[in-house]
Amino acid sequence: QVQLVESGGGSVQAGGSLRLSCAASGRTSSAKAMAWFRRAPGKERQFVAAVSRSGSSTYYADSVKGRFTISRDNAKNTVSLQMNSLKPDDTAVYYCAASARILWTRSRLDDYDYWGQGTQVTVSS
């Protein structure tokens, strides 16, 4: 099993920045591809960004491309999401996810086996 714990959420004004972190523990060798998803109020959980097992490949949702950057540090078992130029539409609970099966970047919820509890991000206009 892999446990994931997110941190770094909070409230920020539009145009501001936040950095989310996700720490993995337990059987971390099972955490291959990792990703961030988010769920806005009244909406389903949506893909935000993914990073491959090695960290060499990344993939982003169109809505965040050019503003968000995902990265991972395998030595520390962490994955981060740097969020710049935040918009009110980015308001959501952000979830860290890890796949035990997929090495490369994927955007489907079903490809991920482990999930964190989520961290709230609120962007005010």
C-alpha atoms as a PDB file:
ATOM      1  CA  GLN A   1       0.000   0.000   0.000  1.00  0.00           C
ATOM      2  CA  VAL A   2       0.999   3.584  -0.625  1.00  0.00           C
ATOM      3  CA  GLN A   3      -0.149   6.467   1.536  1.00  0.00           C
ATOM      4  CA  LEU A   4      -0.315   9.934   0.019  1.00  0.00           C
ATOM      5  CA  VAL A   5      -0.554  13.157   1.996  1.00  0.00           C
ATOM      6  CA  GLU A   6      -1.071  16.521   0.311  1.00  0.00           C
ATOM      7  CA  SER A   7      -0.069  19.903   1.698  1.00  0.00           C
ATOM      8  CA  GLY A   8       0.238  23.486   0.538  1.00  0.00           C
ATOM      9  CA  GLY A   9      -3.354  24.398  -0.174  1.00  0.00           C
ATOM     10  CA  GLY A  10      -4.839  27.686   0.895  1.00  0.00           C
ATOM     11  CA  SER A  11      -6.478  30.889  -0.245  1.00  0.00           C
ATOM     12  CA  VAL A  12      -4.983  33.281  -2.758  1.00  0.00           C
ATOM     13  CA  GLN A  13      -6.122  36.129  -4.960  1.00  0.00           C
ATOM     14  CA  ALA A  14      -6.411  35.756  -8.702  1.00  0.00           C
ATOM     15  CA  GLY A  15      -3.022  36.015 -10.357  1.00  0.00           C
ATOM     16  CA  GLY A  16      -1.245  34.600  -7.355  1.00  0.00           C
ATOM     17  CA  SER A  17       0.688  31.368  -6.895  1.00  0.00           C
ATOM     18  CA  LEU A  18       0.593  28.291  -4.710  1.00  0.00           C
ATOM     19  CA  ARG A  19       2.747  25.201  -4.504  1.00  0.00           C
ATOM     20  CA  LEU A  20       1.169  21.884  -3.584  1.00  0.00           C
ATOM     21  CA  SER A  21       3.207  18.968  -2.315  1.00  0.00           C
ATOM     22  CA  CYS A  22       2.394  15.300  -1.967  1.00  0.00           C
ATOM     23  CA  ALA A  23       4.420  12.987   0.230  1.00  0.00           C
ATOM     24  CA  ALA A  24       4.294   9.248  -0.410  1.00  0.00           C
ATOM     25  CA  SER A  25       4.967   6.670   2.253  1.00  0.00           C
ATOM     26  CA  GLY A  26       4.615   2.929   2.659  1.00  0.00           C
ATOM     27  CA  ARG A  27       5.440   0.788  -0.348  1.00  0.00           C
ATOM     28  CA  THR A  28       6.663   3.725  -2.411  1.00  0.00           C
ATOM     29  CA  SER A  29       8.136   1.444  -5.078  1.00  0.00           C
ATOM     30  CA  SER A  30       4.516   0.867  -6.121  1.00  0.00           C
ATOM     31  CA  ALA A  31       4.048   4.560  -6.902  1.00  0.00           C
ATOM     32  CA  LYS A  32       4.842   4.695 -10.601  1.00  0.00           C
ATOM     33  CA  ALA A  33       3.134   7.452 -12.592  1.00  0.00           C
ATOM     34  CA  MET A  34       1.776  10.169 -10.340  1.00  0.00           C
ATOM     35  CA  ALA A  35      -0.755  12.876 -10.957  1.00  0.00           C
ATOM     36  CA  TRP A  36      -2.863  15.668  -9.576  1.00  0.00           C
ATOM     37  CA  PHE A  37      -6.620  15.805  -9.992  1.00  0.00           C
ATOM     38  CA  ARG A  38      -9.110  18.350  -8.705  1.00  0.00           C
ATOM     39  CA  ARG A  39     -12.785  18.520  -7.881  1.00  0.00           C
ATOM     40  CA  ALA A  40     -14.518  21.860  -8.069  1.00  0.00           C
ATOM     41  CA  PRO A  41     -17.806  22.427  -6.214  1.00  0.00           C
ATOM     42  CA  GLY A  42     -20.624  20.618  -7.984  1.00  0.00           C
ATOM     43  CA  LYS A  43     -18.322  18.983 -10.513  1.00  0.00           C
ATOM     44  CA  GLU A  44     -16.664  15.619 -10.989  1.00  0.00           C
ATOM     45  CA  ARG A  45     -13.018  14.978 -10.257  1.00  0.00           C
ATOM     46  CA  GLN A  46     -10.904  16.120 -13.216  1.00  0.00           C
ATOM     47  CA  PHE A  47      -7.369  15.518 -14.371  1.00  0.00           C
ATOM     48  CA  VAL A  48      -4.863  18.345 -13.859  1.00  0.00           C
ATOM     49  CA  ALA A  49      -1.345  17.027 -14.502  1.00  0.00           C
ATOM     50  CA  ALA A  50       0.694  13.827 -14.529  1.00  0.00           C
ATOM     51  CA  VAL A  51       4.356  12.889 -14.348  1.00  0.00           C
ATOM     52  CA  SER A  52       6.017   9.655 -15.375  1.00  0.00           C
ATOM     53  CA  ARG A  53       7.878   7.313 -13.041  1.00  0.00           C
ATOM     54  CA  SER A  54      11.254   8.786 -14.001  1.00  0.00           C
ATOM     55  CA  GLY A  55      10.000  12.362 -14.037  1.00  0.00           C
ATOM     56  CA  SER A  56      11.087  12.855 -17.635  1.00  0.00           C
ATOM     57  CA  SER A  57       7.583  13.061 -19.076  1.00  0.00           C
ATOM     58  CA  THR A  58       4.751  15.342 -18.043  1.00  0.00           C
ATOM     59  CA  TYR A  59       1.222  15.895 -19.288  1.00  0.00           C
ATOM     60  CA  TYR A  60      -1.258  18.675 -18.535  1.00  0.00           C
ATOM     61  CA  ALA A  61      -4.903  19.437 -18.943  1.00  0.00           C
ATOM     62  CA  ASP A  62      -5.443  22.214 -21.456  1.00  0.00           C
ATOM     63  CA  SER A  63      -6.951  24.424 -18.769  1.00  0.00           C
ATOM     64  CA  VAL A  64      -3.694  24.580 -16.800  1.00  0.00           C
ATOM     65  CA  LYS A  65      -1.079  24.235 -19.518  1.00  0.00           C
ATOM     66  CA  GLY A  66       1.496  27.011 -19.300  1.00  0.00           C
ATOM     67  CA  ARG A  67       0.440  27.955 -15.753  1.00  0.00           C
ATOM     68  CA  PHE A  68       1.017  24.776 -13.719  1.00  0.00           C
ATOM     69  CA  THR A  69       4.157  22.671 -13.452  1.00  0.00           C
ATOM     70  CA  ILE A  70       4.297  19.155 -12.048  1.00  0.00           C
ATOM     71  CA  SER A  71       7.540  17.629 -10.805  1.00  0.00           C
ATOM     72  CA  ARG A  72       8.690  14.761  -8.622  1.00  0.00           C
ATOM     73  CA  ASP A  73      11.655  13.939  -6.432  1.00  0.00           C
ATOM     74  CA  ASN A  74      12.007  10.171  -6.274  1.00  0.00           C
ATOM     75  CA  ALA A  75      14.726  10.351  -3.639  1.00  0.00           C
ATOM     76  CA  LYS A  76      12.283  12.121  -1.308  1.00  0.00           C
ATOM     77  CA  ASN A  77       9.155  10.340  -2.560  1.00  0.00           C
ATOM     78  CA  THR A  78       7.406  13.599  -3.259  1.00  0.00           C
ATOM     79  CA  VAL A  79       5.498  15.146  -6.141  1.00  0.00           C
ATOM     80  CA  SER A  80       4.760  18.851  -6.415  1.00  0.00           C
ATOM     81  CA  LEU A  81       2.441  21.089  -8.357  1.00  0.00           C
ATOM     82  CA  GLN A  82       3.538  24.673  -8.865  1.00  0.00           C
ATOM     83  CA  MET A  83       0.494  26.762  -9.719  1.00  0.00           C
ATOM     84  CA  ASN A  84       0.981  30.238 -11.159  1.00  0.00           C
ATOM     85  CA  SER A  85      -1.426  32.819 -12.562  1.00  0.00           C
ATOM     86  CA  LEU A  86      -4.236  31.274 -10.578  1.00  0.00           C
ATOM     87  CA  LYS A  87      -7.825  31.956 -11.601  1.00  0.00           C
ATOM     88  CA  PRO A  88     -11.093  31.672  -9.654  1.00  0.00           C
ATOM     89  CA  ASP A  89     -11.917  28.661 -11.862  1.00  0.00           C
ATOM     90  CA  ASP A  90      -8.944  26.862 -10.282  1.00  0.00           C
ATOM     91  CA  THR A  91     -10.818  26.757  -6.967  1.00  0.00           C
ATOM     92  CA  ALA A  92     -11.163  23.096  -6.014  1.00  0.00           C
ATOM     93  CA  VAL A  93     -10.001  20.330  -3.757  1.00  0.00           C
ATOM     94  CA  TYR A  94      -6.748  19.020  -5.217  1.00  0.00           C
ATOM     95  CA  TYR A  95      -5.892  15.329  -4.946  1.00  0.00           C
ATOM     96  CA  CYS A  96      -2.598  13.557  -5.374  1.00  0.00           C
ATOM     97  CA  ALA A  97      -2.740  10.150  -7.057  1.00  0.00           C
ATOM     98  CA  ALA A  98      -0.312   7.332  -7.784  1.00  0.00           C
ATOM     99  CA  SER A  99      -0.532   4.420 -10.163  1.00  0.00           C
ATOM    100  CA  ALA A 100       0.799   0.972  -9.327  1.00  0.00           C
ATOM    101  CA  ARG A 101       0.458  -0.150 -12.947  1.00  0.00           C
ATOM    102  CA  ILE A 102       1.314   2.731 -15.264  1.00  0.00           C
ATOM    103  CA  LEU A 103       4.826   4.078 -15.811  1.00  0.00           C
ATOM    104  CA  TRP A 104       3.923   6.891 -18.175  1.00  0.00           C
ATOM    105  CA  THR A 105       1.546   9.826 -17.948  1.00  0.00           C
ATOM    106  CA  ARG A 106      -2.180   9.106 -17.960  1.00  0.00           C
ATOM    107  CA  SER A 107      -5.211  11.290 -17.406  1.00  0.00           C
ATOM    108  CA  ARG A 108      -7.901   8.759 -16.490  1.00  0.00           C
ATOM    109  CA  LEU A 109      -8.999   8.340 -12.890  1.00  0.00           C
ATOM    110  CA  ASP A 110      -9.141   4.574 -13.357  1.00  0.00           C
ATOM    111  CA  ASP A 111      -5.410   4.414 -14.068  1.00  0.00           C
ATOM    112  CA  TYR A 112      -4.596   5.502 -10.522  1.00  0.00           C
ATOM    113  CA  ASP A 113      -4.702   3.207  -7.533  1.00  0.00           C
ATOM    114  CA  TYR A 114      -3.791   5.359  -4.560  1.00  0.00           C
ATOM    115  CA  TRP A 115      -5.279   8.695  -3.554  1.00  0.00           C
ATOM    116  CA  GLY A 116      -4.625  11.340  -0.962  1.00  0.00           C
ATOM    117  CA  GLN A 117      -7.307  13.023   1.111  1.00  0.00           C
ATOM    118  CA  GLY A 118      -7.104  16.265  -0.797  1.00  0.00           C
ATOM    119  CA  THR A 119      -6.174  19.858  -0.055  1.00  0.00           C
ATOM    120  CA  GLN A 120      -8.380  22.890  -0.631  1.00  0.00           C
ATOM    121  CA  VAL A 121      -7.320  25.658  -3.007  1.00  0.00           C
ATOM    122  CA  THR A 122      -9.454  28.788  -3.104  1.00  0.00           C
ATOM    123  CA  VAL A 123      -8.809  31.582  -5.582  1.00  0.00           C
ATOM    124  CA  SER A 124     -10.703  34.824  -5.087  1.00  0.00           C
ATOM    125  CA  SER A 125     -11.287  37.443  -7.749  1.00  0.00           C
END
